[in-house]
Amino acid sequence: MTLDCRGMLCPLPVIKLAKALPTVSVGDTITVLADDPAAAIDIPAWCRMRSQELVSAGNAQYVVRRLS
């Protein structure tokens, strides 16, 4: 699943990620496209706080694996 959050200011990309996470199976990934500079801090922090895996981050793209 890909969430296109380009042009949105944080916390909207994190909110959209949080809402989408339950719709994917454990082990699957969500790719978040977010060009707000705050996303580089907010998305990894959200993953740590929610015990989800940040698979990769770079070029305004974040891949998050659902662990639970």
PDB file of N, CA and C in Angstrom:
ATOM      1  N   MET A   1       0.849  -1.165   0.000  1.00  0.00           N
ATOM      2  CA  MET A   1       0.000   0.000   0.000  1.00  0.00           C
ATOM      3  C   MET A   1       0.899   1.234   0.000  1.00  0.00           C
ATOM      4  N   THR A   2       0.489   2.238  -0.744  1.00  0.00           N
ATOM      5  CA  THR A   2       1.221   3.507  -0.779  1.00  0.00           C
ATOM      6  C   THR A   2       0.286   4.633  -0.392  1.00  0.00           C
ATOM      7  N   LEU A   3       0.752   5.463   0.539  1.00  0.00           N
ATOM      8  CA  LEU A   3       0.017   6.651   0.939  1.00  0.00           C
ATOM      9  C   LEU A   3       0.734   7.865   0.362  1.00  0.00           C
ATOM     10  N   ASP A   4       0.071   8.613  -0.493  1.00  0.00           N
ATOM     11  CA  ASP A   4       0.677   9.811  -1.071  1.00  0.00           C
ATOM     12  C   ASP A   4       0.309  11.001  -0.204  1.00  0.00           C
ATOM     13  N   CYS A   5       1.227  11.396   0.642  1.00  0.00           N
ATOM     14  CA  CYS A   5       1.019  12.508   1.565  1.00  0.00           C
ATOM     15  C   CYS A   5       1.856  13.723   1.163  1.00  0.00           C
ATOM     16  N   ARG A   6       2.335  13.732  -0.061  1.00  0.00           N
ATOM     17  CA  ARG A   6       3.122  14.873  -0.524  1.00  0.00           C
ATOM     18  C   ARG A   6       2.262  16.127  -0.496  1.00  0.00           C
ATOM     19  N   GLY A   7       2.873  17.212  -0.033  1.00  0.00           N
ATOM     20  CA  GLY A   7       2.171  18.479   0.078  1.00  0.00           C
ATOM     21  C   GLY A   7       1.433  18.654   1.395  1.00  0.00           C
ATOM     22  N   MET A   8       1.368  17.604   2.204  1.00  0.00           N
ATOM     23  CA  MET A   8       0.700  17.689   3.505  1.00  0.00           C
ATOM     24  C   MET A   8       1.727  18.013   4.581  1.00  0.00           C
ATOM     25  N   LEU A   9       1.321  18.841   5.516  1.00  0.00           N
ATOM     26  CA  LEU A   9       2.188  19.167   6.635  1.00  0.00           C
ATOM     27  C   LEU A   9       1.961  18.176   7.766  1.00  0.00           C
ATOM     28  N   CYS A  10       3.033  17.917   8.511  1.00  0.00           N
ATOM     29  CA  CYS A  10       2.899  17.054   9.681  1.00  0.00           C
ATOM     30  C   CYS A  10       2.017  17.771  10.691  1.00  0.00           C
ATOM     31  N   PRO A  11       1.174  17.021  11.352  1.00  0.00           N
ATOM     32  CA  PRO A  11       1.200  15.579  11.563  1.00  0.00           C
ATOM     33  C   PRO A  11       0.332  14.772  10.592  1.00  0.00           C
ATOM     34  N   LEU A  12      -0.176  15.359   9.521  1.00  0.00           N
ATOM     35  CA  LEU A  12      -1.092  14.616   8.649  1.00  0.00           C
ATOM     36  C   LEU A  12      -0.521  13.319   8.089  1.00  0.00           C
ATOM     37  N   PRO A  13       0.739  13.269   7.616  1.00  0.00           N
ATOM     38  CA  PRO A  13       1.246  11.976   7.142  1.00  0.00           C
ATOM     39  C   PRO A  13       1.245  10.891   8.226  1.00  0.00           C
ATOM     40  N   VAL A  14       1.569  11.267   9.451  1.00  0.00           N
ATOM     41  CA  VAL A  14       1.574  10.290  10.553  1.00  0.00           C
ATOM     42  C   VAL A  14       0.149   9.856  10.874  1.00  0.00           C
ATOM     43  N   ILE A  15      -0.782  10.776  10.839  1.00  0.00           N
ATOM     44  CA  ILE A  15      -2.180  10.431  11.107  1.00  0.00           C
ATOM     45  C   ILE A  15      -2.695   9.472  10.039  1.00  0.00           C
ATOM     46  N   LYS A  16      -2.386   9.746   8.790  1.00  0.00           N
ATOM     47  CA  LYS A  16      -2.819   8.851   7.709  1.00  0.00           C
ATOM     48  C   LYS A  16      -2.171   7.470   7.841  1.00  0.00           C
ATOM     49  N   LEU A  17      -0.889   7.442   8.231  1.00  0.00           N
ATOM     50  CA  LEU A  17      -0.202   6.171   8.461  1.00  0.00           C
ATOM     51  C   LEU A  17      -0.883   5.394   9.585  1.00  0.00           C
ATOM     52  N   ALA A  18      -1.188   6.068  10.679  1.00  0.00           N
ATOM     53  CA  ALA A  18      -1.825   5.408  11.823  1.00  0.00           C
ATOM     54  C   ALA A  18      -3.187   4.838  11.441  1.00  0.00           C
ATOM     55  N   LYS A  19      -3.942   5.549  10.617  1.00  0.00           N
ATOM     56  CA  LYS A  19      -5.257   5.064  10.203  1.00  0.00           C
ATOM     57  C   LYS A  19      -5.148   3.900   9.226  1.00  0.00           C
ATOM     58  N   ALA A  20      -4.114   3.908   8.393  1.00  0.00           N
ATOM     59  CA  ALA A  20      -3.959   2.861   7.374  1.00  0.00           C
ATOM     60  C   ALA A  20      -3.354   1.581   7.930  1.00  0.00           C
ATOM     61  N   LEU A  21      -2.564   1.672   8.975  1.00  0.00           N
ATOM     62  CA  LEU A  21      -1.845   0.499   9.473  1.00  0.00           C
ATOM     63  C   LEU A  21      -2.755  -0.700   9.754  1.00  0.00           C
ATOM     64  N   PRO A  22      -3.900  -0.523  10.403  1.00  0.00           N
ATOM     65  CA  PRO A  22      -4.754  -1.697  10.672  1.00  0.00           C
ATOM     66  C   PRO A  22      -5.328  -2.355   9.420  1.00  0.00           C
ATOM     67  N   THR A  23      -5.233  -1.697   8.279  1.00  0.00           N
ATOM     68  CA  THR A  23      -5.808  -2.256   7.052  1.00  0.00           C
ATOM     69  C   THR A  23      -4.845  -3.199   6.333  1.00  0.00           C
ATOM     70  N   VAL A  24      -3.588  -3.276   6.795  1.00  0.00           N
ATOM     71  CA  VAL A  24      -2.632  -4.194   6.184  1.00  0.00           C
ATOM     72  C   VAL A  24      -2.341  -5.328   7.158  1.00  0.00           C
ATOM     73  N   SER A  25      -1.957  -6.449   6.628  1.00  0.00           N
ATOM     74  CA  SER A  25      -1.647  -7.619   7.459  1.00  0.00           C
ATOM     75  C   SER A  25      -0.312  -7.445   8.165  1.00  0.00           C
ATOM     76  N   VAL A  26      -0.185  -8.117   9.301  1.00  0.00           N
ATOM     77  CA  VAL A  26       1.092  -8.137  10.017  1.00  0.00           C
ATOM     78  C   VAL A  26       2.149  -8.681   9.061  1.00  0.00           C
ATOM     79  N   GLY A  27       3.271  -7.993   8.974  1.00  0.00           N
ATOM     80  CA  GLY A  27       4.347  -8.381   8.079  1.00  0.00           C
ATOM     81  C   GLY A  27       4.349  -7.606   6.775  1.00  0.00           C
ATOM     82  N   ASP A  28       3.211  -7.015   6.409  1.00  0.00           N
ATOM     83  CA  ASP A  28       3.130  -6.215   5.188  1.00  0.00           C
ATOM     84  C   ASP A  28       3.663  -4.806   5.437  1.00  0.00           C
ATOM     85  N   THR A  29       3.903  -4.089   4.347  1.00  0.00           N
ATOM     86  CA  THR A  29       4.456  -2.743   4.465  1.00  0.00           C
ATOM     87  C   THR A  29       3.508  -1.694   3.902  1.00  0.00           C
ATOM     88  N   ILE A  30       3.708  -0.497   4.389  1.00  0.00           N
ATOM     89  CA  ILE A  30       3.051   0.700   3.869  1.00  0.00           C
ATOM     90  C   ILE A  30       4.161   1.661   3.467  1.00  0.00           C
ATOM     91  N   THR A  31       4.086   2.190   2.269  1.00  0.00           N
ATOM     92  CA  THR A  31       5.019   3.205   1.816  1.00  0.00           C
ATOM     93  C   THR A  31       4.328   4.557   1.938  1.00  0.00           C
ATOM     94  N   VAL A  32       4.984   5.474   2.644  1.00  0.00           N
ATOM     95  CA  VAL A  32       4.447   6.818   2.825  1.00  0.00           C
ATOM     96  C   VAL A  32       5.306   7.782   2.019  1.00  0.00           C
ATOM     97  N   LEU A  33       4.687   8.489   1.097  1.00  0.00           N
ATOM     98  CA  LEU A  33       5.364   9.543   0.355  1.00  0.00           C
ATOM     99  C   LEU A  33       5.037  10.846   1.068  1.00  0.00           C
ATOM    100  N   ALA A  34       6.049  11.485   1.639  1.00  0.00           N
ATOM    101  CA  ALA A  34       5.835  12.708   2.425  1.00  0.00           C
ATOM    102  C   ALA A  34       7.030  13.629   2.238  1.00  0.00           C
ATOM    103  N   ASP A  35       6.765  14.828   1.715  1.00  0.00           N
ATOM    104  CA  ASP A  35       7.852  15.760   1.445  1.00  0.00           C
ATOM    105  C   ASP A  35       8.001  16.861   2.503  1.00  0.00           C
ATOM    106  N   ASP A  36       7.182  16.843   3.542  1.00  0.00           N
ATOM    107  CA  ASP A  36       7.351  17.791   4.638  1.00  0.00           C
ATOM    108  C   ASP A  36       8.604  17.391   5.417  1.00  0.00           C
ATOM    109  N   PRO A  37       9.553  18.318   5.608  1.00  0.00           N
ATOM    110  CA  PRO A  37      10.786  17.968   6.336  1.00  0.00           C
ATOM    111  C   PRO A  37      10.533  17.370   7.722  1.00  0.00           C
ATOM    112  N   ALA A  38       9.438  17.732   8.362  1.00  0.00           N
ATOM    113  CA  ALA A  38       9.137  17.200   9.696  1.00  0.00           C
ATOM    114  C   ALA A  38       8.854  15.699   9.654  1.00  0.00           C
ATOM    115  N   ALA A  39       8.450  15.179   8.507  1.00  0.00           N
ATOM    116  CA  ALA A  39       8.168  13.746   8.394  1.00  0.00           C
ATOM    117  C   ALA A  39       9.420  12.916   8.674  1.00  0.00           C
ATOM    118  N   ALA A  40      10.582  13.453   8.370  1.00  0.00           N
ATOM    119  CA  ALA A  40      11.838  12.733   8.610  1.00  0.00           C
ATOM    120  C   ALA A  40      12.070  12.480  10.095  1.00  0.00           C
ATOM    121  N   ILE A  41      11.453  13.260  10.927  1.00  0.00           N
ATOM    122  CA  ILE A  41      11.546  13.075  12.378  1.00  0.00           C
ATOM    123  C   ILE A  41      10.305  12.346  12.891  1.00  0.00           C
ATOM    124  N   ASP A  42       9.145  12.793  12.417  1.00  0.00           N
ATOM    125  CA  ASP A  42       7.880  12.295  12.959  1.00  0.00           C
ATOM    126  C   ASP A  42       7.606  10.827  12.639  1.00  0.00           C
ATOM    127  N   ILE A  43       7.854  10.403  11.411  1.00  0.00           N
ATOM    128  CA  ILE A  43       7.531   9.018  11.042  1.00  0.00           C
ATOM    129  C   ILE A  43       8.437   8.021  11.771  1.00  0.00           C
ATOM    130  N   PRO A  44       9.764   8.224  11.799  1.00  0.00           N
ATOM    131  CA  PRO A  44      10.587   7.292  12.588  1.00  0.00           C
ATOM    132  C   PRO A  44      10.214   7.285  14.076  1.00  0.00           C
ATOM    133  N   ALA A  45       9.893   8.456  14.633  1.00  0.00           N
ATOM    134  CA  ALA A  45       9.509   8.522  16.048  1.00  0.00           C
ATOM    135  C   ALA A  45       8.200   7.769  16.279  1.00  0.00           C
ATOM    136  N   TRP A  46       7.243   7.921  15.368  1.00  0.00           N
ATOM    137  CA  TRP A  46       5.978   7.201  15.488  1.00  0.00           C
ATOM    138  C   TRP A  46       6.214   5.695  15.456  1.00  0.00           C
ATOM    139  N   CYS A  47       7.092   5.238  14.552  1.00  0.00           N
ATOM    140  CA  CYS A  47       7.398   3.806  14.466  1.00  0.00           C
ATOM    141  C   CYS A  47       7.974   3.284  15.773  1.00  0.00           C
ATOM    142  N   ARG A  48       8.896   4.040  16.368  1.00  0.00           N
ATOM    143  CA  ARG A  48       9.478   3.621  17.654  1.00  0.00           C
ATOM    144  C   ARG A  48       8.410   3.569  18.741  1.00  0.00           C
ATOM    145  N   MET A  49       7.564   4.597  18.807  1.00  0.00           N
ATOM    146  CA  MET A  49       6.546   4.670  19.861  1.00  0.00           C
ATOM    147  C   MET A  49       5.487   3.590  19.699  1.00  0.00           C
ATOM    148  N   ARG A  50       5.218   3.165  18.472  1.00  0.00           N
ATOM    149  CA  ARG A  50       4.175   2.171  18.197  1.00  0.00           C
ATOM    150  C   ARG A  50       4.735   0.779  17.934  1.00  0.00           C
ATOM    151  N   SER A  51       6.039   0.618  18.124  1.00  0.00           N
ATOM    152  CA  SER A  51       6.707  -0.676  17.937  1.00  0.00           C
ATOM    153  C   SER A  51       6.456  -1.258  16.547  1.00  0.00           C
ATOM    154  N   GLN A  52       6.620  -0.409  15.536  1.00  0.00           N
ATOM    155  CA  GLN A  52       6.534  -0.831  14.145  1.00  0.00           C
ATOM    156  C   GLN A  52       7.915  -0.635  13.521  1.00  0.00           C
ATOM    157  N   GLU A  53       8.204  -1.331  12.451  1.00  0.00           N
ATOM    158  CA  GLU A  53       9.546  -1.294  11.858  1.00  0.00           C
ATOM    159  C   GLU A  53       9.619  -0.274  10.723  1.00  0.00           C
ATOM    160  N   LEU A  54      10.553   0.654  10.846  1.00  0.00           N
ATOM    161  CA  LEU A  54      10.866   1.554   9.745  1.00  0.00           C
ATOM    162  C   LEU A  54      11.883   0.828   8.880  1.00  0.00           C
ATOM    163  N   VAL A  55      11.449   0.339   7.741  1.00  0.00           N
ATOM    164  CA  VAL A  55      12.291  -0.469   6.861  1.00  0.00           C
ATOM    165  C   VAL A  55      13.298   0.417   6.141  1.00  0.00           C
ATOM    166  N   SER A  56      12.829   1.546   5.631  1.00  0.00           N
ATOM    167  CA  SER A  56      13.722   2.467   4.935  1.00  0.00           C
ATOM    168  C   SER A  56      13.129   3.865   4.955  1.00  0.00           C
ATOM    169  N   ALA A  57      14.036   4.837   4.816  1.00  0.00           N
ATOM    170  CA  ALA A  57      13.623   6.235   4.764  1.00  0.00           C
ATOM    171  C   ALA A  57      14.611   6.980   3.883  1.00  0.00           C
ATOM    172  N   GLY A  58      14.103   7.770   2.974  1.00  0.00           N
ATOM    173  CA  GLY A  58      14.953   8.580   2.114  1.00  0.00           C
ATOM    174  C   GLY A  58      14.192   9.055   0.899  1.00  0.00           C
ATOM    175  N   ASN A  59      14.621  10.188   0.373  1.00  0.00           N
ATOM    176  CA  ASN A  59      13.992  10.765  -0.828  1.00  0.00           C
ATOM    177  C   ASN A  59      12.486  10.932  -0.668  1.00  0.00           C
ATOM    178  N   ALA A  60      12.074  11.427   0.506  1.00  0.00           N
ATOM    179  CA  ALA A  60      10.658  11.687   0.797  1.00  0.00           C
ATOM    180  C   ALA A  60       9.802  10.421   0.730  1.00  0.00           C
ATOM    181  N   GLN A  61      10.427   9.270   1.007  1.00  0.00           N
ATOM    182  CA  GLN A  61       9.706   7.989   0.999  1.00  0.00           C
ATOM    183  C   GLN A  61      10.068   7.198   2.247  1.00  0.00           C
ATOM    184  N   TYR A  62       9.051   6.712   2.930  1.00  0.00           N
ATOM    185  CA  TYR A  62       9.226   5.958   4.171  1.00  0.00           C
ATOM    186  C   TYR A  62       8.480   4.634   4.034  1.00  0.00           C
ATOM    187  N   VAL A  63       9.171   3.546   4.296  1.00  0.00           N
ATOM    188  CA  VAL A  63       8.544   2.225   4.220  1.00  0.00           C
ATOM    189  C   VAL A  63       8.440   1.683   5.651  1.00  0.00           C
ATOM    190  N   VAL A  64       7.228   1.371   6.050  1.00  0.00           N
ATOM    191  CA  VAL A  64       6.942   0.924   7.410  1.00  0.00           C
ATOM    192  C   VAL A  64       6.330  -0.472   7.349  1.00  0.00           C
ATOM    193  N   ARG A  65       6.909  -1.399   8.132  1.00  0.00           N
ATOM    194  CA  ARG A  65       6.377  -2.765   8.198  1.00  0.00           C
ATOM    195  C   ARG A  65       5.545  -2.898   9.481  1.00  0.00           C
ATOM    196  N   ARG A  66       4.354  -3.441   9.302  1.00  0.00           N
ATOM    197  CA  ARG A  66       3.493  -3.696  10.469  1.00  0.00           C
ATOM    198  C   ARG A  66       4.012  -4.921  11.210  1.00  0.00           C
ATOM    199  N   LEU A  67       4.302  -4.743  12.476  1.00  0.00           N
ATOM    200  CA  LEU A  67       4.813  -5.836  13.294  1.00  0.00           C
ATOM    201  C   LEU A  67       3.743  -6.417  14.220  1.00  0.00           C
ATOM    202  N   SER A  68       2.725  -5.660  14.498  1.00  0.00           N
ATOM    203  CA  SER A  68       1.662  -6.163  15.385  1.00  0.00           C
ATOM    204  C   SER A  68       0.363  -5.466  15.075  1.00  0.00           C
TER     205      SER A  68
END
